[in-house]
Amino acid sequence: MHFLLSSILEIFRSTENSVAQRLAEKLPHVPDHAFTERYAPEPVLKHLSATLLLPGAHSFTADINAVADHLPWGRLAAHPPPGIMGTGRTFCQIIGPEGLIKDDSFRMGVYFQAPDVFYPSHWHNAEEVYFVLSGTALWQKDKGRFAEQSPQTLVHHKSCQPHAMRTQKEPLLALWGWVGDIGFESYGIE
């Protein structure tokens, strides 16, 4: 687990985004635990290995692929809100209230979306960042135009800002983090 947390720390620390910087400040205070449990893979993860071959993939993509069966994919919350776990996409929470490492002050994990999948416009009170590890996808903020975001790009969503993602021919692998009001009570989806 230490190599995984160290890599995530460096990725968030290297950005100039204030949310990513706050997540990086919290990471050194998280206790280090080893991956011991194996989880049943979700069907959507059959596309995960393709993220290794995509142009511009961050080197951390290989680390995620190497430990994928030790990550709690699809176990984002004790009672996930309707619509958050849609077909063709999955989250895992490494750190957070329901994460492998328990922490009530922030959530951080990995997000995967298969090719040709739309994650409809949604919002939540938490301020959020995604760091794209692999795959170029289309991202929308508010009701604006979709914009391409490629690997090694940081995408920031303000509190309650509607946002959506659409993959095309490539799957999407990203780190994500929430700060502020990290409860799911405010989560809404169109």
Protein backbone atom coordinates (compact mmCIF):
# COMPACT_ATOMS: atom_id res chain seq x y z
CA MET A 1 0.00 0.00 0.00
CA HIS A 2 2.88 2.34 0.73
CA PHE A 3 4.00 2.54 -2.93
CA LEU A 4 0.41 3.27 -3.98
CA LEU A 5 -0.08 6.08 -1.45
CA SER A 6 3.37 7.51 -2.22
CA SER A 7 2.56 7.65 -5.93
CA ILE A 8 -0.81 9.29 -5.31
CA LEU A 9 0.83 11.82 -2.98
CA GLU A 10 3.37 12.79 -5.66
CA ILE A 11 0.70 13.11 -8.34
CA PHE A 12 -1.50 15.41 -6.25
CA ARG A 13 1.48 17.33 -4.85
CA SER A 14 2.78 18.07 -8.37
CA THR A 15 -0.36 20.01 -9.35
CA GLU A 16 -1.14 23.64 -8.63
CA ASN A 17 -4.77 22.91 -7.75
CA SER A 18 -5.78 23.80 -4.19
CA VAL A 19 -8.02 20.73 -3.74
CA ALA A 20 -5.28 18.37 -4.94
CA GLN A 21 -2.83 20.13 -2.62
CA ARG A 22 -5.20 19.64 0.36
CA LEU A 23 -5.48 15.94 -0.50
CA ALA A 24 -1.67 15.70 -0.69
CA GLU A 25 -1.39 17.32 2.76
CA LYS A 26 -3.71 14.68 4.24
CA LEU A 27 -2.05 11.63 2.67
CA PRO A 28 1.09 11.51 4.84
CA HIS A 29 -1.15 11.28 7.92
CA VAL A 30 -2.95 8.16 6.73
CA PRO A 31 -1.69 4.95 8.37
CA ASP A 32 -0.04 2.47 6.01
CA HIS A 33 -1.82 -0.89 5.66
CA ALA A 34 -1.08 -3.79 3.34
CA PHE A 35 -3.48 -5.10 0.73
CA THR A 36 -4.64 -8.43 2.07
CA GLU A 37 -8.15 -9.01 0.83
CA ARG A 38 -8.99 -9.96 -2.75
CA TYR A 39 -12.21 -8.69 -4.28
CA ALA A 40 -14.32 -10.23 -7.02
CA PRO A 41 -13.70 -8.25 -10.20
CA GLU A 42 -16.52 -6.22 -11.69
CA PRO A 43 -17.38 -7.10 -15.31
CA VAL A 44 -16.49 -3.58 -16.50
CA LEU A 45 -12.87 -4.16 -15.44
CA LYS A 46 -12.34 -6.47 -18.41
CA HIS A 47 -11.33 -3.22 -20.17
CA LEU A 48 -8.84 -2.15 -17.48
CA SER A 49 -5.75 -3.72 -19.05
CA ALA A 50 -6.35 -1.63 -22.18
CA THR A 51 -5.44 1.48 -20.16
CA LEU A 52 -1.80 0.32 -20.17
CA LEU A 53 -1.56 0.63 -23.95
CA LEU A 54 -3.10 4.05 -24.43
CA PRO A 55 -1.00 7.01 -25.61
CA GLY A 56 0.23 9.23 -22.79
CA ALA A 57 -0.75 6.83 -20.00
CA HIS A 58 0.79 7.84 -16.68
CA SER A 59 3.23 5.28 -15.26
CA PHE A 60 0.91 4.88 -12.26
CA THR A 61 -1.55 3.12 -14.61
CA ALA A 62 0.62 -0.02 -14.36
CA ASP A 63 0.51 0.13 -10.54
CA ILE A 64 -3.30 0.27 -10.54
CA ASN A 65 -3.48 -2.66 -12.97
CA ALA A 66 -1.08 -4.66 -10.78
CA VAL A 67 -3.24 -4.31 -7.64
CA ALA A 68 -6.70 -4.11 -9.26
CA ASP A 69 -7.94 -7.34 -7.67
CA HIS A 70 -7.04 -5.95 -4.22
CA LEU A 71 -9.12 -2.79 -4.66
CA PRO A 72 -12.74 -2.63 -3.47
CA TRP A 73 -14.30 -1.72 -6.84
CA GLY A 74 -17.99 -0.95 -6.60
CA ARG A 75 -17.89 -0.49 -2.83
CA LEU A 76 -17.94 3.29 -2.80
CA ALA A 77 -20.38 3.73 0.07
CA ALA A 78 -22.36 1.67 2.55
CA HIS A 79 -25.53 2.94 0.88
CA PRO A 80 -24.59 4.35 -2.54
CA PRO A 81 -26.98 6.92 -3.96
CA PRO A 82 -29.08 5.84 -6.95
CA GLY A 83 -27.32 6.25 -10.27
CA ILE A 84 -23.75 6.59 -9.01
CA MET A 85 -22.73 3.04 -9.95
CA GLY A 86 -23.92 2.88 -13.53
CA THR A 87 -23.24 0.37 -16.25
CA GLY A 88 -19.75 0.71 -17.64
CA ARG A 89 -18.24 2.66 -14.79
CA THR A 90 -16.96 1.88 -11.31
CA PHE A 91 -15.22 3.55 -8.40
CA CYS A 92 -13.12 2.28 -5.58
CA GLN A 93 -12.51 4.20 -2.40
CA ILE A 94 -9.01 3.69 -1.06
CA ILE A 95 -9.30 6.30 1.70
CA GLY A 96 -12.56 7.53 3.21
CA PRO A 97 -15.36 6.56 5.56
CA GLU A 98 -15.89 3.24 3.72
CA GLY A 99 -12.36 2.95 2.24
CA LEU A 100 -9.60 0.43 2.79
CA ILE A 101 -8.13 3.09 5.04
CA LYS A 102 -10.78 4.72 7.21
CA ASP A 103 -10.85 8.50 7.32
CA ASP A 104 -13.90 10.73 7.81
CA SER A 105 -12.32 13.95 6.54
CA PHE A 106 -11.82 13.13 2.84
CA ARG A 107 -12.41 10.49 0.17
CA MET A 108 -9.82 9.39 -2.37
CA GLY A 109 -9.69 6.51 -4.80
CA VAL A 110 -9.64 5.29 -8.37
CA TYR A 111 -12.30 5.69 -11.06
CA PHE A 112 -12.70 3.56 -14.19
CA GLN A 113 -15.05 4.07 -17.13
CA ALA A 114 -15.27 1.67 -20.09
CA PRO A 115 -15.21 2.85 -23.72
CA ASP A 116 -18.38 4.42 -25.17
CA VAL A 117 -19.98 5.12 -21.78
CA PHE A 118 -21.76 8.28 -20.61
CA TYR A 119 -21.78 9.32 -16.94
CA PRO A 120 -24.72 11.76 -16.88
CA SER A 121 -24.59 15.19 -15.31
CA HIS A 122 -24.36 14.89 -11.53
CA TRP A 123 -23.42 17.05 -8.54
CA HIS A 124 -22.53 16.84 -4.85
CA ASN A 125 -21.51 19.14 -2.02
CA ALA A 126 -17.93 17.86 -1.99
CA GLU A 127 -15.33 19.71 -3.97
CA GLU A 128 -13.72 17.19 -6.30
CA VAL A 129 -10.64 16.58 -8.40
CA TYR A 130 -9.88 13.91 -10.96
CA PHE A 131 -6.35 13.27 -12.21
CA VAL A 132 -6.55 11.48 -15.56
CA LEU A 133 -4.11 8.56 -15.60
CA SER A 134 -5.05 6.99 -18.93
CA GLY A 135 -7.55 7.56 -21.71
CA THR A 136 -8.73 10.72 -23.39
CA ALA A 137 -12.36 11.44 -22.55
CA LEU A 138 -14.88 14.26 -22.87
CA TRP A 139 -15.73 16.19 -19.70
CA GLN A 140 -18.52 18.73 -19.19
CA LYS A 141 -18.93 21.34 -16.45
CA ASP A 142 -22.25 23.05 -15.78
CA LYS A 143 -24.16 22.86 -19.06
CA GLY A 144 -21.15 23.88 -21.13
CA ARG A 145 -19.57 22.14 -24.07
CA PHE A 146 -17.78 18.85 -23.61
CA ALA A 147 -13.99 19.28 -23.67
CA GLU A 148 -11.34 16.64 -24.22
CA GLN A 149 -9.17 15.88 -21.20
CA SER A 150 -6.13 13.74 -21.84
CA PRO A 151 -3.81 11.80 -19.52
CA GLN A 152 -1.96 13.77 -16.86
CA THR A 153 -4.69 16.42 -16.77
CA LEU A 154 -6.32 17.55 -13.53
CA VAL A 155 -10.08 18.19 -13.68
CA HIS A 156 -11.58 20.23 -10.81
CA HIS A 157 -15.28 20.43 -9.90
CA LYS A 158 -16.47 23.02 -7.40
CA SER A 159 -19.02 22.19 -4.74
CA CYS A 160 -22.45 21.53 -6.31
CA GLN A 161 -21.13 22.11 -9.85
CA PRO A 162 -22.91 19.83 -12.34
CA HIS A 163 -20.48 17.73 -14.37
CA ALA A 164 -20.54 14.78 -16.76
CA MET A 165 -18.06 12.48 -18.52
CA ARG A 166 -18.21 10.64 -21.83
CA THR A 167 -15.69 8.10 -23.05
CA GLN A 168 -15.26 7.40 -26.71
CA LYS A 169 -13.10 4.56 -28.06
CA GLU A 170 -10.74 4.57 -25.05
CA PRO A 171 -11.45 3.58 -21.46
CA LEU A 172 -10.76 6.17 -18.75
CA LEU A 173 -8.68 5.56 -15.61
CA ALA A 174 -8.37 8.38 -13.08
CA LEU A 175 -7.60 9.17 -9.47
CA TRP A 176 -10.34 11.10 -7.70
CA GLY A 177 -10.61 12.96 -4.42
CA TRP A 178 -13.30 14.72 -2.42
CA VAL A 179 -12.83 17.38 0.27
CA GLY A 180 -15.32 19.45 2.26
CA ASP A 181 -18.79 17.94 2.76
CA ILE A 182 -17.98 14.36 1.66
CA GLY A 183 -21.35 12.83 2.49
CA PHE A 184 -23.44 11.33 -0.29
CA GLU A 185 -26.68 12.91 0.93
CA SER A 186 -26.23 15.79 -1.55
CA TYR A 187 -25.44 13.57 -4.56
CA GLY A 188 -27.85 14.09 -7.43
CA ILE A 189 -27.91 12.84 -11.01
CA GLU A 190 -29.97 13.77 -14.06
